Amino acid sequence: MHELTVTRLINASPETVYRVWTTRTQEWFAPKPYTTPRLEFDLRPGGRSWMEMQAPDGTLHPHEGVFLEVVPNRKIVTTDAFAPGWVPQGPFMVSIFTFEPEGSGTRYTAVVRHWREEDKKTHEEMGFEAGWGQVCDQLAELAERN
């Protein structure tokens, strides 16, 4: 597998982390100083996953895909291999987000699987570890305050 992973132990219940993930996404999804000004989620298998991240210079980075699996409070799987209606598009990754109880908190894990080694390397060069790590920290901060 051409896989990249980040994980955090978050001092909040899986239900709280999931709720923040799904309802306050625009507040944590982009590594600061990037923002997520527009977002549309239809949280069901086949539902649309669409967002725009905005760079500090105003450049927009759209990302569209579909949800493959949604298990409330436990797991969300998305891919950019399809647009809504199962329309194929150039795939880059499948993302698997899990919310597992651990002690009094949640083990949050984001796994990103790429079709090709070159895509994985590109994602690493884009700053996957730092960017997705920062995003995990932002999610944790919001969840731990709620």
N, C-alpha and C. Protein backbone atom coordinates (compact mmCIF):
# COMPACT_ATOMS: atom_id res chain seq x y z
N MET A 1 0.84 -1.19 0.00
CA MET A 1 0.00 0.00 0.00
C MET A 1 0.88 1.24 0.00
N HIS A 2 0.42 2.21 -0.65
CA HIS A 2 1.10 3.50 -0.70
C HIS A 2 0.38 4.40 0.28
N GLU A 3 0.70 4.22 1.57
CA GLU A 3 -0.12 4.75 2.64
C GLU A 3 0.65 5.78 3.47
N LEU A 4 -0.09 6.81 3.89
CA LEU A 4 0.41 7.80 4.84
C LEU A 4 -0.58 7.86 5.99
N THR A 5 -0.09 8.07 7.20
CA THR A 5 -0.96 8.03 8.38
C THR A 5 -0.57 9.10 9.39
N VAL A 6 -1.59 9.69 10.02
CA VAL A 6 -1.39 10.52 11.21
C VAL A 6 -2.38 10.05 12.25
N THR A 7 -2.00 10.15 13.51
CA THR A 7 -2.89 9.74 14.59
C THR A 7 -2.66 10.63 15.80
N ARG A 8 -3.71 10.78 16.59
CA ARG A 8 -3.64 11.55 17.82
C ARG A 8 -4.55 10.90 18.85
N LEU A 9 -4.14 10.95 20.11
CA LEU A 9 -5.02 10.61 21.21
C LEU A 9 -5.67 11.92 21.63
N ILE A 10 -6.98 12.00 21.50
CA ILE A 10 -7.72 13.23 21.80
C ILE A 10 -8.50 13.02 23.08
N ASN A 11 -8.39 13.98 23.98
CA ASN A 11 -9.05 13.89 25.27
C ASN A 11 -10.51 14.32 25.17
N ALA A 12 -11.27 13.54 24.43
CA ALA A 12 -12.71 13.75 24.24
C ALA A 12 -13.28 12.43 23.74
N SER A 13 -14.57 12.26 23.92
CA SER A 13 -15.21 11.01 23.51
C SER A 13 -15.25 10.88 21.99
N PRO A 14 -15.36 9.66 21.46
CA PRO A 14 -15.51 9.49 20.01
C PRO A 14 -16.70 10.27 19.46
N GLU A 15 -17.78 10.34 20.24
CA GLU A 15 -18.97 11.06 19.79
C GLU A 15 -18.67 12.55 19.62
N THR A 16 -17.90 13.11 20.55
CA THR A 16 -17.54 14.53 20.46
C THR A 16 -16.59 14.78 19.29
N VAL A 17 -15.58 13.93 19.14
CA VAL A 17 -14.61 14.12 18.05
C VAL A 17 -15.32 13.99 16.71
N TYR A 18 -16.20 13.01 16.57
CA TYR A 18 -16.96 12.82 15.34
C TYR A 18 -17.85 14.03 15.05
N ARG A 19 -18.52 14.52 16.09
CA ARG A 19 -19.40 15.68 15.92
C ARG A 19 -18.61 16.91 15.45
N VAL A 20 -17.45 17.14 16.06
CA VAL A 20 -16.61 18.26 15.64
C VAL A 20 -16.11 18.03 14.21
N TRP A 21 -15.71 16.80 13.90
CA TRP A 21 -15.23 16.48 12.56
C TRP A 21 -16.31 16.80 11.52
N THR A 22 -17.56 16.43 11.82
CA THR A 22 -18.63 16.53 10.82
C THR A 22 -19.36 17.86 10.81
N THR A 23 -19.38 18.58 11.93
CA THR A 23 -20.18 19.82 11.98
C THR A 23 -19.36 21.09 12.07
N ARG A 24 -18.08 20.97 12.38
CA ARG A 24 -17.23 22.17 12.51
C ARG A 24 -16.00 22.05 11.61
N THR A 25 -16.14 21.31 10.54
CA THR A 25 -15.03 20.98 9.65
C THR A 25 -14.30 22.22 9.14
N GLN A 26 -15.04 23.25 8.81
CA GLN A 26 -14.41 24.45 8.26
C GLN A 26 -13.45 25.12 9.25
N GLU A 27 -13.63 24.84 10.53
CA GLU A 27 -12.78 25.46 11.55
C GLU A 27 -11.44 24.75 11.71
N TRP A 28 -11.33 23.49 11.30
CA TRP A 28 -10.11 22.76 11.58
C TRP A 28 -9.47 22.07 10.37
N PHE A 29 -10.18 21.95 9.25
CA PHE A 29 -9.74 21.06 8.18
C PHE A 29 -8.50 21.54 7.41
N ALA A 30 -8.28 22.83 7.31
CA ALA A 30 -7.12 23.34 6.58
C ALA A 30 -6.03 23.76 7.56
N PRO A 31 -4.76 23.43 7.27
CA PRO A 31 -3.69 23.87 8.16
C PRO A 31 -3.53 25.39 8.07
N LYS A 32 -3.61 26.06 9.21
CA LYS A 32 -3.49 27.52 9.24
C LYS A 32 -2.13 27.93 8.69
N PRO A 33 -2.05 28.96 7.88
CA PRO A 33 -3.01 30.03 7.66
C PRO A 33 -4.01 29.76 6.52
N TYR A 34 -4.05 28.56 5.96
CA TYR A 34 -5.07 28.21 4.97
C TYR A 34 -6.43 28.19 5.66
N THR A 35 -7.49 28.36 4.88
CA THR A 35 -8.85 28.29 5.40
C THR A 35 -9.68 27.37 4.51
N THR A 36 -10.87 27.05 4.96
CA THR A 36 -11.82 26.26 4.19
C THR A 36 -13.11 27.08 4.09
N PRO A 37 -13.17 28.02 3.14
CA PRO A 37 -14.33 28.92 3.08
C PRO A 37 -15.61 28.26 2.60
N ARG A 38 -15.49 27.19 1.81
CA ARG A 38 -16.70 26.52 1.29
C ARG A 38 -16.56 25.02 1.45
N LEU A 39 -17.69 24.41 1.84
CA LEU A 39 -17.68 22.99 2.13
C LEU A 39 -19.09 22.45 1.95
N GLU A 40 -19.20 21.28 1.32
CA GLU A 40 -20.48 20.57 1.21
C GLU A 40 -20.24 19.10 1.51
N PHE A 41 -20.91 18.60 2.52
CA PHE A 41 -20.82 17.19 2.88
C PHE A 41 -22.22 16.59 2.87
N ASP A 42 -22.37 15.48 2.18
CA ASP A 42 -23.58 14.66 2.24
C ASP A 42 -23.13 13.34 2.84
N LEU A 43 -23.16 13.25 4.17
CA LEU A 43 -22.56 12.16 4.92
C LEU A 43 -23.34 10.85 4.80
N ARG A 44 -23.17 10.20 3.66
CA ARG A 44 -23.76 8.88 3.41
C ARG A 44 -22.96 8.25 2.27
N PRO A 45 -22.93 6.93 2.17
CA PRO A 45 -22.23 6.31 1.05
C PRO A 45 -22.78 6.84 -0.28
N GLY A 46 -21.88 7.30 -1.13
CA GLY A 46 -22.25 7.89 -2.41
C GLY A 46 -22.50 9.38 -2.34
N GLY A 47 -22.56 9.94 -1.12
CA GLY A 47 -22.80 11.36 -0.95
C GLY A 47 -21.58 12.19 -1.30
N ARG A 48 -21.83 13.42 -1.68
CA ARG A 48 -20.77 14.33 -2.12
C ARG A 48 -19.91 14.80 -0.96
N SER A 49 -18.61 14.86 -1.23
CA SER A 49 -17.63 15.46 -0.34
C SER A 49 -16.92 16.52 -1.18
N TRP A 50 -17.18 17.78 -0.89
CA TRP A 50 -16.59 18.86 -1.69
C TRP A 50 -16.16 19.99 -0.78
N MET A 51 -14.99 20.53 -1.05
CA MET A 51 -14.50 21.66 -0.28
C MET A 51 -13.51 22.47 -1.10
N GLU A 52 -13.35 23.70 -0.69
CA GLU A 52 -12.32 24.56 -1.24
C GLU A 52 -11.43 25.02 -0.10
N MET A 53 -10.15 24.76 -0.24
CA MET A 53 -9.19 25.34 0.70
C MET A 53 -8.65 26.59 0.04
N GLN A 54 -8.42 27.61 0.85
CA GLN A 54 -7.91 28.88 0.32
C GLN A 54 -6.55 29.18 0.93
N ALA A 55 -5.59 29.45 0.06
CA ALA A 55 -4.25 29.82 0.49
C ALA A 55 -4.24 31.27 0.96
N PRO A 56 -3.24 31.66 1.73
CA PRO A 56 -3.16 33.05 2.18
C PRO A 56 -3.16 34.07 1.04
N ASP A 57 -2.68 33.68 -0.14
CA ASP A 57 -2.67 34.61 -1.28
C ASP A 57 -4.00 34.64 -2.03
N GLY A 58 -5.00 33.88 -1.53
CA GLY A 58 -6.32 33.87 -2.14
C GLY A 58 -6.55 32.73 -3.11
N THR A 59 -5.51 31.99 -3.47
CA THR A 59 -5.64 30.86 -4.39
C THR A 59 -6.56 29.80 -3.79
N LEU A 60 -7.52 29.33 -4.59
CA LEU A 60 -8.45 28.30 -4.15
C LEU A 60 -8.00 26.93 -4.63
N HIS A 61 -8.13 25.95 -3.77
CA HIS A 61 -7.76 24.56 -4.07
C HIS A 61 -8.99 23.69 -3.84
N PRO A 62 -9.79 23.42 -4.90
CA PRO A 62 -10.99 22.61 -4.72
C PRO A 62 -10.64 21.12 -4.63
N HIS A 63 -11.47 20.40 -3.92
CA HIS A 63 -11.31 18.95 -3.79
C HIS A 63 -12.70 18.33 -3.75
N GLU A 64 -12.98 17.45 -4.71
CA GLU A 64 -14.29 16.81 -4.78
C GLU A 64 -14.14 15.30 -4.77
N GLY A 65 -15.09 14.66 -4.14
CA GLY A 65 -15.13 13.21 -4.11
C GLY A 65 -16.46 12.74 -3.56
N VAL A 66 -16.46 11.51 -3.09
CA VAL A 66 -17.66 10.93 -2.50
C VAL A 66 -17.29 10.20 -1.22
N PHE A 67 -18.29 10.05 -0.38
CA PHE A 67 -18.15 9.21 0.80
C PHE A 67 -18.41 7.77 0.39
N LEU A 68 -17.55 6.87 0.84
CA LEU A 68 -17.72 5.45 0.57
C LEU A 68 -18.36 4.72 1.74
N GLU A 69 -18.02 5.17 2.95
CA GLU A 69 -18.54 4.52 4.16
C GLU A 69 -18.67 5.59 5.25
N VAL A 70 -19.77 5.55 5.96
CA VAL A 70 -19.98 6.44 7.10
C VAL A 70 -20.59 5.62 8.22
N VAL A 71 -19.84 5.47 9.30
CA VAL A 71 -20.31 4.78 10.50
C VAL A 71 -20.28 5.83 11.61
N PRO A 72 -21.43 6.41 11.96
CA PRO A 72 -21.44 7.50 12.93
C PRO A 72 -20.62 7.18 14.18
N ASN A 73 -19.80 8.14 14.57
CA ASN A 73 -18.96 8.09 15.77
C ASN A 73 -17.79 7.10 15.68
N ARG A 74 -17.60 6.44 14.53
CA ARG A 74 -16.53 5.45 14.43
C ARG A 74 -15.65 5.57 13.18
N LYS A 75 -16.27 5.86 11.99
CA LYS A 75 -15.46 5.77 10.77
C LYS A 75 -16.08 6.56 9.63
N ILE A 76 -15.20 7.22 8.86
CA ILE A 76 -15.60 7.93 7.64
C ILE A 76 -14.57 7.58 6.57
N VAL A 77 -15.03 7.16 5.39
CA VAL A 77 -14.14 6.84 4.28
C VAL A 77 -14.57 7.67 3.07
N THR A 78 -13.61 8.35 2.46
CA THR A 78 -13.87 9.16 1.27
C THR A 78 -12.86 8.81 0.19
N THR A 79 -13.21 9.17 -1.05
CA THR A 79 -12.28 9.04 -2.16
C THR A 79 -12.51 10.15 -3.16
N ASP A 80 -11.46 10.52 -3.86
CA ASP A 80 -11.60 11.47 -4.96
C ASP A 80 -11.58 10.74 -6.30
N ALA A 81 -11.72 9.41 -6.28
CA ALA A 81 -11.74 8.63 -7.51
C ALA A 81 -13.06 8.79 -8.26
N PHE A 82 -14.07 9.29 -7.55
CA PHE A 82 -15.39 9.48 -8.15
C PHE A 82 -15.94 10.84 -7.76
N ALA A 83 -16.71 11.41 -8.66
CA ALA A 83 -17.58 12.54 -8.35
C ALA A 83 -18.95 11.94 -8.02
N PRO A 84 -19.87 12.73 -7.46
CA PRO A 84 -21.19 12.20 -7.17
C PRO A 84 -21.82 11.53 -8.39
N GLY A 85 -22.64 10.51 -8.12
CA GLY A 85 -23.24 9.74 -9.20
C GLY A 85 -22.29 8.68 -9.73
N TRP A 86 -21.19 8.44 -9.00
CA TRP A 86 -20.18 7.45 -9.37
C TRP A 86 -19.55 7.76 -10.72
N VAL A 87 -19.35 9.04 -10.99
CA VAL A 87 -18.67 9.48 -12.20
C VAL A 87 -17.17 9.39 -11.95
N PRO A 88 -16.45 8.55 -12.72
CA PRO A 88 -15.01 8.42 -12.51
C PRO A 88 -14.28 9.73 -12.79
N GLN A 89 -13.27 9.98 -11.96
CA GLN A 89 -12.38 11.12 -12.19
C GLN A 89 -10.98 10.68 -11.77
N GLY A 90 -9.99 11.46 -12.14
CA GLY A 90 -8.60 11.10 -11.86
C GLY A 90 -8.36 10.86 -10.38
N PRO A 91 -8.11 9.62 -9.95
CA PRO A 91 -7.96 9.33 -8.53
C PRO A 91 -6.59 9.73 -8.00
N PHE A 92 -6.58 10.16 -6.76
CA PHE A 92 -5.34 10.47 -6.06
C PHE A 92 -5.27 9.67 -4.76
N MET A 93 -6.43 9.57 -4.06
CA MET A 93 -6.36 8.92 -2.75
C MET A 93 -7.72 8.43 -2.26
N VAL A 94 -7.64 7.57 -1.27
CA VAL A 94 -8.77 7.16 -0.42
C VAL A 94 -8.36 7.57 0.99
N SER A 95 -9.26 8.23 1.70
CA SER A 95 -8.98 8.66 3.07
C SER A 95 -9.89 7.91 4.03
N ILE A 96 -9.29 7.37 5.09
CA ILE A 96 -10.03 6.62 6.10
C ILE A 96 -9.79 7.30 7.44
N PHE A 97 -10.86 7.78 8.05
CA PHE A 97 -10.79 8.46 9.34
C PHE A 97 -11.50 7.59 10.37
N THR A 98 -10.79 7.24 11.45
CA THR A 98 -11.41 6.41 12.49
C THR A 98 -11.38 7.13 13.83
N PHE A 99 -12.38 6.81 14.63
CA PHE A 99 -12.60 7.42 15.95
C PHE A 99 -12.78 6.27 16.93
N GLU A 100 -11.68 5.79 17.52
CA GLU A 100 -11.73 4.61 18.38
C GLU A 100 -11.59 5.00 19.85
N PRO A 101 -12.47 4.46 20.71
CA PRO A 101 -12.32 4.72 22.14
C PRO A 101 -10.97 4.22 22.63
N GLU A 102 -10.31 5.04 23.43
CA GLU A 102 -9.04 4.63 24.05
C GLU A 102 -8.95 5.32 25.41
N GLY A 103 -9.00 4.52 26.47
CA GLY A 103 -9.03 5.09 27.81
C GLY A 103 -10.24 6.00 27.94
N SER A 104 -10.01 7.22 28.39
CA SER A 104 -11.12 8.18 28.53
C SER A 104 -11.22 9.10 27.31
N GLY A 105 -10.48 8.77 26.25
CA GLY A 105 -10.48 9.62 25.06
C GLY A 105 -10.74 8.86 23.78
N THR A 106 -10.19 9.42 22.70
CA THR A 106 -10.40 8.86 21.36
C THR A 106 -9.07 8.77 20.64
N ARG A 107 -8.81 7.61 20.05
CA ARG A 107 -7.67 7.46 19.16
C ARG A 107 -8.19 7.84 17.77
N TYR A 108 -7.82 9.04 17.31
CA TYR A 108 -8.22 9.51 15.99
C TYR A 108 -7.09 9.17 15.03
N THR A 109 -7.43 8.53 13.93
CA THR A 109 -6.44 8.15 12.93
C THR A 109 -6.95 8.53 11.54
N ALA A 110 -6.07 9.16 10.77
CA ALA A 110 -6.35 9.47 9.38
C ALA A 110 -5.34 8.70 8.53
N VAL A 111 -5.86 7.79 7.72
CA VAL A 111 -5.03 6.97 6.82
C VAL A 111 -5.36 7.40 5.40
N VAL A 112 -4.32 7.67 4.62
CA VAL A 112 -4.51 8.06 3.23
C VAL A 112 -3.79 7.04 2.36
N ARG A 113 -4.56 6.40 1.49
CA ARG A 113 -4.01 5.39 0.58
C ARG A 113 -4.03 5.94 -0.83
N HIS A 114 -2.91 5.79 -1.50
CA HIS A 114 -2.75 6.28 -2.87
C HIS A 114 -2.67 5.11 -3.84
N TRP A 115 -3.09 5.35 -5.06
CA TRP A 115 -3.05 4.29 -6.07
C TRP A 115 -1.62 3.98 -6.49
N ARG A 116 -0.77 5.00 -6.51
CA ARG A 116 0.59 4.82 -7.01
C ARG A 116 1.61 5.39 -6.03
N GLU A 117 2.78 4.81 -6.02
CA GLU A 117 3.88 5.29 -5.18
C GLU A 117 4.20 6.75 -5.51
N GLU A 118 4.11 7.12 -6.79
CA GLU A 118 4.41 8.50 -7.19
C GLU A 118 3.44 9.48 -6.52
N ASP A 119 2.16 9.08 -6.41
CA ASP A 119 1.18 9.94 -5.76
C ASP A 119 1.49 10.09 -4.27
N LYS A 120 1.89 9.01 -3.66
CA LYS A 120 2.27 9.08 -2.24
C LYS A 120 3.43 10.04 -2.06
N LYS A 121 4.45 9.92 -2.90
CA LYS A 121 5.61 10.80 -2.80
C LYS A 121 5.23 12.25 -3.03
N THR A 122 4.34 12.49 -3.99
CA THR A 122 3.86 13.85 -4.24
C THR A 122 3.18 14.41 -3.01
N HIS A 123 2.34 13.59 -2.38
CA HIS A 123 1.62 14.02 -1.18
C HIS A 123 2.60 14.31 -0.04
N GLU A 124 3.61 13.48 0.10
CA GLU A 124 4.65 13.74 1.11
C GLU A 124 5.35 15.06 0.84
N GLU A 125 5.69 15.29 -0.43
CA GLU A 125 6.38 16.53 -0.81
C GLU A 125 5.50 17.77 -0.64
N MET A 126 4.19 17.58 -0.70
CA MET A 126 3.25 18.68 -0.47
C MET A 126 3.19 19.06 1.01
N GLY A 127 3.83 18.25 1.86
CA GLY A 127 3.85 18.54 3.29
C GLY A 127 2.81 17.76 4.08
N PHE A 128 2.53 16.54 3.64
CA PHE A 128 1.51 15.73 4.31
C PHE A 128 1.71 15.67 5.82
N GLU A 129 2.88 15.26 6.25
CA GLU A 129 3.11 15.03 7.68
C GLU A 129 2.86 16.30 8.50
N ALA A 130 3.45 17.41 8.09
CA ALA A 130 3.27 18.65 8.84
C ALA A 130 1.83 19.16 8.72
N GLY A 131 1.28 19.17 7.50
CA GLY A 131 -0.06 19.71 7.28
C GLY A 131 -1.15 18.90 7.94
N TRP A 132 -1.13 17.59 7.71
CA TRP A 132 -2.17 16.75 8.31
C TRP A 132 -1.97 16.65 9.82
N GLY A 133 -0.72 16.72 10.28
CA GLY A 133 -0.46 16.75 11.72
C GLY A 133 -1.04 17.99 12.36
N GLN A 134 -0.87 19.14 11.71
CA GLN A 134 -1.44 20.38 12.22
C GLN A 134 -2.97 20.31 12.24
N VAL A 135 -3.54 19.74 11.20
CA VAL A 135 -4.99 19.60 11.13
C VAL A 135 -5.49 18.71 12.28
N CYS A 136 -4.79 17.63 12.57
CA CYS A 136 -5.16 16.77 13.71
C CYS A 136 -5.12 17.56 15.01
N ASP A 137 -4.09 18.38 15.18
CA ASP A 137 -3.98 19.20 16.38
C ASP A 137 -5.14 20.19 16.48
N GLN A 138 -5.53 20.78 15.34
CA GLN A 138 -6.64 21.72 15.33
C GLN A 138 -7.95 21.03 15.68
N LEU A 139 -8.16 19.82 15.15
CA LEU A 139 -9.35 19.03 15.49
C LEU A 139 -9.35 18.71 16.98
N ALA A 140 -8.21 18.26 17.50
CA ALA A 140 -8.11 17.91 18.91
C ALA A 140 -8.42 19.11 19.80
N GLU A 141 -7.89 20.27 19.45
CA GLU A 141 -8.13 21.47 20.26
C GLU A 141 -9.62 21.81 20.34
N LEU A 142 -10.30 21.74 19.20
CA LEU A 142 -11.75 22.03 19.21
C LEU A 142 -12.52 20.97 19.99
N ALA A 143 -12.20 19.70 19.77
CA ALA A 143 -12.93 18.61 20.44
C ALA A 143 -12.72 18.66 21.95
N GLU A 144 -11.51 18.96 22.37
CA GLU A 144 -11.20 18.98 23.81
C GLU A 144 -11.85 20.16 24.53
N ARG A 145 -12.23 21.19 23.80
CA ARG A 145 -12.92 22.34 24.41
C ARG A 145 -14.44 22.14 24.45
N ASN A 146 -14.95 21.12 23.80
CA ASN A 146 -16.40 20.90 23.73
C ASN A 146 -16.88 19.76 24.57
